[in-house]
Protein backbone atom coordinates (compact mmCIF):
# COMPACT_ATOMS: atom_id res chain seq x y z
CA PHE A 1 0.00 0.00 0.00
CA THR A 2 1.22 3.46 -0.79
CA TYR A 3 0.26 7.07 -0.21
CA ALA A 4 1.51 10.47 -1.37
CA SER A 5 0.58 14.12 -1.12
CA ASP A 6 0.46 16.70 -3.86
CA GLY A 7 1.47 19.25 -1.21
CA HIS A 8 -1.45 21.56 -2.03
CA LYS A 9 -4.91 20.02 -1.91
CA TYR A 10 -4.95 16.26 -1.41
CA VAL A 11 -3.43 13.15 0.09
CA TRP A 12 -3.74 10.13 -2.19
CA ALA A 13 -3.83 6.50 -1.01
CA ALA A 14 -3.76 3.39 -3.19
CA ALA A 15 -6.16 0.54 -2.43
CA PHE A 16 -5.69 -2.98 -3.81
CA GLY A 17 -9.22 -4.23 -3.71
CA PRO A 18 -11.05 -2.75 -5.42
CA ASN A 19 -8.30 -1.25 -7.59
CA ARG A 20 -8.56 2.44 -6.86
CA VAL A 21 -6.86 5.52 -5.45
CA ASP A 22 -8.64 7.21 -2.54
CA VAL A 23 -8.37 11.00 -2.25
CA PHE A 24 -8.45 12.92 1.06
CA ASP A 25 -8.46 16.65 1.80
CA ILE A 26 -4.94 17.67 2.90
CA ASP A 27 -6.21 20.21 5.49
CA THR A 28 -9.13 18.37 7.10
CA GLY A 29 -8.41 14.71 6.32
CA ASP A 30 -11.96 14.37 4.98
CA TYR A 31 -12.59 11.74 2.33
CA VAL A 32 -13.09 13.44 -1.07
CA THR A 33 -13.53 10.65 -3.64
CA TYR A 34 -11.92 7.63 -5.22
CA ILE A 35 -10.56 7.12 -8.72
CA PRO A 36 -10.61 3.63 -10.32
CA THR A 37 -7.23 2.52 -11.67
CA CYS A 38 -5.22 -0.44 -12.93
CA SER A 39 -4.73 -3.67 -10.95
CA THR A 40 -2.73 -3.67 -7.72
CA PRO A 41 -1.55 -0.04 -7.43
CA ILE A 42 1.82 -0.21 -5.64
CA ASP A 43 3.53 3.16 -6.02
CA LEU A 44 2.27 6.76 -6.05
CA ASP A 45 4.39 9.76 -6.98
CA TYR A 46 3.40 13.41 -7.49
CA HIS A 47 4.70 15.21 -10.58
CA ALA A 48 4.92 18.91 -9.70
CA ASN A 49 5.54 20.10 -13.29
CA THR A 50 2.34 18.57 -14.65
CA TYR A 51 0.19 18.71 -11.48
CA GLU A 52 -0.41 14.97 -11.76
CA MET A 53 -0.36 12.05 -9.39
CA TRP A 54 1.19 8.99 -11.05
CA VAL A 55 0.50 5.42 -9.99
CA HIS A 56 2.43 2.28 -10.95
CA CYS A 57 0.35 -0.90 -10.93
CA ALA A 58 1.47 -4.51 -10.94
CA GLY A 59 -1.10 -5.40 -13.58
CA THR A 60 -3.74 -4.19 -15.97
CA ASP A 61 -7.49 -4.38 -15.31
CA GLU A 62 -8.77 -4.64 -18.87
CA ALA A 63 -12.17 -5.96 -17.76
CA ASN A 64 -12.81 -2.54 -16.21
CA GLY A 65 -11.21 -0.44 -18.95
CA HIS A 66 -7.73 -0.05 -17.43
CA ASP A 67 -5.27 -1.38 -19.99
CA GLY A 68 -2.04 0.08 -18.60
CA HIS A 69 0.48 -0.29 -15.77
CA ILE A 70 1.09 3.46 -15.30
CA ASP A 71 -1.89 5.71 -14.66
CA SER A 72 -2.00 9.41 -13.84
CA PHE A 73 -4.59 11.78 -12.43
CA SER A 74 -4.83 15.56 -12.65
CA VAL A 75 -4.90 17.09 -9.17
CA ASN A 76 -6.94 19.94 -10.67
CA ASN A 77 -9.59 17.72 -12.30
CA LEU A 78 -10.41 14.61 -10.28
CA SER A 79 -12.95 13.43 -12.85
CA GLY A 80 -10.56 13.65 -15.81
CA ASP A 81 -9.54 10.42 -17.53
CA MET A 82 -5.96 10.24 -18.81
CA LYS A 83 -4.40 7.66 -21.11
CA GLN A 84 -2.60 4.84 -19.31
CA VAL A 85 0.81 3.44 -20.28
CA ASN A 86 1.15 -0.31 -20.85
CA LEU A 87 4.66 -1.58 -20.14
CA ASN A 88 4.22 -4.73 -22.32
CA VAL A 89 5.28 -7.00 -19.48
CA THR A 90 4.37 -10.66 -19.38
CA GLY A 91 3.15 -11.39 -15.87
CA ARG A 92 3.11 -8.92 -13.01
CA ALA A 93 4.90 -5.56 -13.42
CA TYR A 94 6.05 -4.94 -9.85
CA GLY A 95 8.20 -1.82 -9.78
CA ARG A 96 8.41 1.86 -8.96
CA ASN A 97 7.84 5.29 -10.53
CA VAL A 98 10.21 8.23 -10.35
CA VAL A 99 8.98 11.71 -11.28
CA HIS A 100 10.52 15.02 -10.30
CA SER A 101 10.46 18.62 -11.47
CA THR A 102 14.11 18.37 -12.57
CA LEU A 103 13.14 15.61 -15.04
CA GLY A 104 10.82 17.90 -17.00
CA SER A 105 7.45 16.43 -17.89
CA PHE A 106 8.84 12.89 -18.01
CA GLY A 107 8.73 10.08 -15.51
CA TYR A 108 10.64 6.83 -15.24
CA ALA A 109 9.51 3.40 -14.13
CA THR A 110 11.19 0.15 -13.19
CA VAL A 111 9.93 -3.40 -13.31
CA TYR A 112 11.33 -6.09 -11.04
CA LYS A 113 13.88 -8.35 -12.79
CA MET A 114 14.03 -6.07 -15.85
CA PRO A 115 17.48 -4.45 -16.30
CA TYR A 116 16.29 -1.15 -17.74
CA LEU A 117 14.18 1.98 -17.14
CA TYR A 118 10.93 2.85 -18.88
CA LYS A 119 10.57 6.52 -19.85
């Protein structure tokens, strides 16, 4: 399980079942909403340049319309739907995201037992 803050409005927490990211008000701690996502969300990271929260999932959830391993959400539009990134991994894609303002609008991801970075 993972959580992260955007530092402005919300604290985000990944939930494995059902596959979703819960959103809480950063000032009051009140529950705001949830956003459905890919299967087994394992890493959240806030991208300050794009005002997006990125989540890395261990699998896709194609039955529910989530065909990627990397999903992102606009912190300014919680109902927006952004295109997911599929890492073309056979099996589970356990790994981590790295995003930072010094990397521009890009992010990087790893997958366990894969000797390279995804950009």
